[in-house]
Protein backbone atom coordinates (compact mmCIF):
# COMPACT_ATOMS: atom_id res chain seq x y z
CA MET A 1 0.26 0.11 0.25
CA ALA A 2 1.47 3.05 -1.03
CA PRO A 3 2.25 5.57 1.76
CA ARG A 4 -0.37 8.42 2.74
CA ARG A 5 0.71 11.71 1.63
CA ALA A 6 -0.04 14.88 4.80
CA PRO A 7 -3.27 16.70 3.92
CA LEU A 8 -2.07 20.27 2.02
CA GLY A 9 1.54 18.26 1.60
CA TRP A 10 2.05 21.55 -1.29
CA LEU A 11 1.79 24.01 1.79
CA VAL A 12 5.37 24.32 3.14
CA PRO A 13 6.74 24.88 0.03
CA ALA A 14 4.37 27.10 -1.81
CA VAL A 15 4.86 29.53 1.44
CA THR A 16 8.52 28.93 1.23
CA LEU A 17 8.43 30.24 -2.60
CA GLY A 18 6.45 32.53 -1.98
CA GLY A 19 8.44 33.97 0.07
CA LEU A 20 11.24 34.00 -1.46
CA LEU A 21 9.78 35.07 -4.77
CA PRO A 22 10.48 38.73 -3.38
CA VAL A 23 14.25 37.90 -3.45
CA ALA A 24 14.84 36.71 -6.53
CA VAL A 25 13.00 40.09 -7.91
CA LEU A 26 15.36 42.40 -6.21
CA ILE A 27 17.85 40.23 -7.09
CA LEU A 28 16.75 40.70 -10.92
CA ASP A 29 16.12 44.76 -10.20
CA ALA A 30 19.38 45.10 -8.79
CA LEU A 31 21.07 43.78 -12.22
CA SER A 32 18.91 45.13 -14.75
CA GLY A 33 19.59 48.95 -12.77
CA ALA A 34 15.60 48.89 -12.20
CA LEU A 35 16.09 49.70 -8.06
CA GLY A 36 16.19 53.56 -9.07
CA ALA A 37 18.57 56.53 -8.68
CA ASN A 38 19.71 55.15 -5.07
CA PRO A 39 19.02 50.83 -5.09
CA ILE A 40 20.78 50.53 -1.43
CA GLN A 41 17.92 52.53 0.33
CA ARG A 42 15.31 50.90 -1.88
CA ALA A 43 16.80 47.16 -1.34
CA THR A 44 16.89 48.26 2.87
CA LEU A 45 13.57 49.63 2.28
CA GLN A 46 12.64 46.52 0.11
CA THR A 47 13.80 43.76 2.73
CA GLY A 48 13.29 45.86 6.51
CA LEU A 49 10.08 45.95 5.26
CA LEU A 50 9.99 41.98 3.96
CA THR A 51 11.00 41.24 7.51
CA LEU A 52 8.33 42.95 9.49
CA VAL A 53 5.37 41.82 7.24
CA LEU A 54 6.65 38.68 7.86
CA LEU A 55 7.49 37.91 11.19
CA ILE A 56 3.58 39.37 11.68
CA LEU A 57 2.59 36.35 9.49
CA SER A 58 4.70 34.63 11.79
CA LEU A 59 3.10 35.93 15.24
CA ALA A 60 -0.78 35.37 13.32
CA CYS A 61 -0.59 31.74 12.76
CA THR A 62 -1.02 31.26 16.65
CA PRO A 63 -4.14 33.52 17.18
CA LEU A 64 -4.92 32.34 13.53
CA ARG A 65 -5.83 28.50 14.57
CA LEU A 66 -6.89 29.95 18.37
CA LEU A 67 -9.94 31.85 16.74
CA THR A 68 -10.43 28.86 13.93
CA GLY A 69 -9.79 25.53 14.99
CA TRP A 70 -7.70 25.71 11.96
CA THR A 71 -4.45 23.78 11.75
CA TRP A 72 -3.07 24.68 9.12
CA PRO A 73 -1.52 27.52 10.14
CA ALA A 74 1.22 26.00 12.60
CA ARG A 75 2.12 23.86 9.78
CA ILE A 76 3.71 27.65 7.81
CA ARG A 77 4.49 29.49 11.36
CA LYS A 78 8.27 28.45 11.59
CA THR A 79 8.67 28.60 7.91
CA LEU A 80 7.76 32.05 6.87
CA GLY A 81 9.84 33.16 11.13
CA LEU A 82 12.81 31.19 8.91
CA LEU A 83 12.12 33.47 5.95
CA ALA A 84 12.13 36.76 7.77
CA PHE A 85 14.94 35.74 9.55
CA GLY A 86 16.45 35.32 6.42
CA TYR A 87 15.18 38.56 5.29
CA ALA A 88 16.67 40.08 8.15
CA ALA A 89 20.17 39.20 7.49
CA LEU A 90 19.27 40.30 4.21
CA HIS A 91 18.52 43.58 5.43
CA PHE A 92 21.73 43.78 8.15
CA LEU A 93 24.02 42.61 4.95
CA ILE A 94 22.65 45.58 2.59
CA TYR A 95 23.48 47.93 5.45
CA LEU A 96 27.11 46.67 6.69
CA PHE A 97 27.67 46.75 2.71
CA ASP A 98 26.22 50.36 2.62
CA HIS A 99 29.01 51.40 5.70
CA GLY A 100 32.24 49.40 3.99
CA PHE A 101 31.65 46.43 5.95
CA ASP A 102 33.60 48.82 8.72
CA LEU A 103 31.85 46.87 12.12
CA THR A 104 33.24 49.96 13.94
CA LEU A 105 31.30 52.66 12.52
CA MET A 106 28.60 50.09 12.80
CA THR A 107 28.64 49.79 16.94
CA GLU A 108 28.98 54.03 16.84
CA ASP A 109 25.86 53.61 14.78
CA VAL A 110 24.11 51.33 17.19
CA LEU A 111 25.36 53.05 20.69
CA LYS A 112 24.10 55.66 19.56
CA ARG A 113 21.61 55.51 17.34
CA PRO A 114 17.92 54.43 19.17
CA PHE A 115 17.15 53.62 15.48
CA ILE A 116 19.73 51.35 14.89
CA THR A 117 19.71 50.02 18.14
CA ALA A 118 16.63 49.26 18.29
CA GLY A 119 16.97 47.41 14.46
CA PHE A 120 20.14 45.27 16.02
CA THR A 121 18.36 44.29 19.02
CA ALA A 122 15.77 42.88 17.64
CA LEU A 123 17.76 40.86 14.67
CA LEU A 124 20.05 39.69 17.55
CA LEU A 125 16.31 38.47 19.70
CA LEU A 126 15.91 36.35 16.21
CA VAL A 127 18.88 34.57 15.93
CA PRO A 128 18.37 32.14 19.06
CA LEU A 129 14.38 31.67 17.52
CA ALA A 130 15.76 30.43 14.20
CA LEU A 131 18.42 28.62 15.76
CA THR A 132 15.94 26.41 17.90
CA SER A 133 13.42 25.91 15.40
CA THR A 134 13.93 22.37 14.72
CA PRO A 135 12.21 18.98 16.54
CA GLY A 136 15.79 18.32 18.04
CA ALA A 137 15.54 21.59 20.04
CA VAL A 138 12.36 21.01 21.61
CA THR A 139 13.27 18.27 22.67
CA ARG A 140 17.05 19.52 24.58
CA LEU A 141 15.53 22.74 25.62
CA GLY A 142 12.06 20.97 26.75
CA PHE A 143 8.61 22.38 25.61
CA GLN A 144 7.95 25.26 28.45
CA ARG A 145 11.39 26.29 28.23
CA TRP A 146 10.95 26.61 24.26
CA THR A 147 7.85 27.93 24.69
CA ARG A 148 9.44 31.09 27.00
CA LEU A 149 12.36 31.56 24.67
CA HIS A 150 9.86 32.06 21.23
CA GLN A 151 7.47 34.25 22.66
CA LEU A 152 10.71 36.85 22.94
CA SER A 153 9.28 36.85 19.60
CA TYR A 154 7.12 39.46 20.12
CA VAL A 155 9.53 41.53 21.26
CA ALA A 156 11.73 41.22 18.08
CA VAL A 157 8.66 42.54 16.14
CA SER A 158 7.97 45.43 18.72
CA LEU A 159 11.25 46.74 18.52
CA GLY A 160 10.88 46.00 14.64
CA ALA A 161 8.67 47.85 14.62
CA LEU A 162 10.14 50.30 16.49
CA HIS A 163 12.27 50.36 14.17
CA TYR A 164 11.12 51.33 11.12
CA TYR A 165 9.08 53.91 12.96
CA TRP A 166 12.24 56.30 13.79
CA GLY A 167 13.68 55.54 11.17
CA VAL A 168 10.38 57.08 8.65
CA LYS A 169 11.22 60.98 8.71
CA GLN A 170 7.09 62.22 7.41
CA ASP A 171 4.21 59.90 7.41
CA HIS A 172 4.29 57.85 10.57
CA THR A 173 0.71 55.86 9.77
CA PRO A 174 2.53 52.87 8.24
CA PRO A 175 4.40 51.85 10.80
CA LEU A 176 1.91 52.43 13.04
CA ILE A 177 -1.08 50.60 11.40
CA TYR A 178 1.54 47.78 11.62
CA ALA A 179 2.38 48.45 15.59
CA ALA A 180 -1.44 48.56 15.68
CA VAL A 181 -1.80 44.95 14.28
CA ILE A 182 0.80 42.98 16.31
CA ALA A 183 -1.01 44.93 19.09
CA THR A 184 -4.13 42.89 18.25
CA LEU A 185 -2.50 39.62 17.72
CA PHE A 186 -1.11 39.70 21.30
CA LEU A 187 -4.11 40.96 22.71
CA ILE A 188 -5.83 38.11 21.12
CA ARG A 189 -3.61 35.17 22.42
CA LEU A 190 -3.39 36.64 25.57
CA LEU A 191 -7.45 36.72 25.69
CA LYS A 192 -7.73 33.33 24.14
CA ARG A 193 -5.08 31.77 26.27
CA ARG A 194 -5.80 32.90 29.41
CA PRO A 195 -9.74 30.99 30.27
CA ALA A 196 -7.34 27.79 29.20
CA ARG A 197 -4.81 28.55 32.01
CA GLN A 198 -7.97 29.13 34.68
CA ALA A 199 -9.86 26.48 33.39
CA GLY A 200 -6.69 24.23 33.46
CA SER A 201 -6.06 25.73 36.96
CA ARG A 202 -9.57 24.95 38.75
CA PRO A 203 -9.69 22.52 40.83
CA ALA A 204 -12.15 19.36 40.01
CA LYS A 205 -15.65 18.66 41.54
CA PRO A 206 -15.24 15.88 43.96
């Protein structure tokens, strides 16, 4: 008998492919000179926005599952998170390239400019999350510790939104919208999880 395929087995490959398409377009635009008069600035902005969007989508998976009962969001959460980390790393590499890979200048930026401090801290927080995204990491850390560690994703995405807000010089509406979405996702998760915890702590009836 042929092995039974998992339902929606195409979902993770499709999300991966869709997540990598923007970087492919970015590379093609860079090679063809279609990034405009300031290609570094445009590439930096695009990779930063992609990081924030993918982080928000990964965090939306759990509230979506809690609200709907669907199981498929949990299957793509890790993929979205790793894609977000990849774009965050690319965003940082473009920043380093723009500064001639001068680590001294980068350190001064991180220490003196809150805009850079927030973004760099968000990237550092994503590193352990990416490194512990495997099933083996869950086993080594234990589910409770792994869960607490990955709650740092909300700190990282909040710092990412702050990085975006401080980086915008005029219209702050887009970063405020992202911040509102992040706050809504956190509130949904908090409200949906609290009744479950209260029910679990309630003493059994005799």
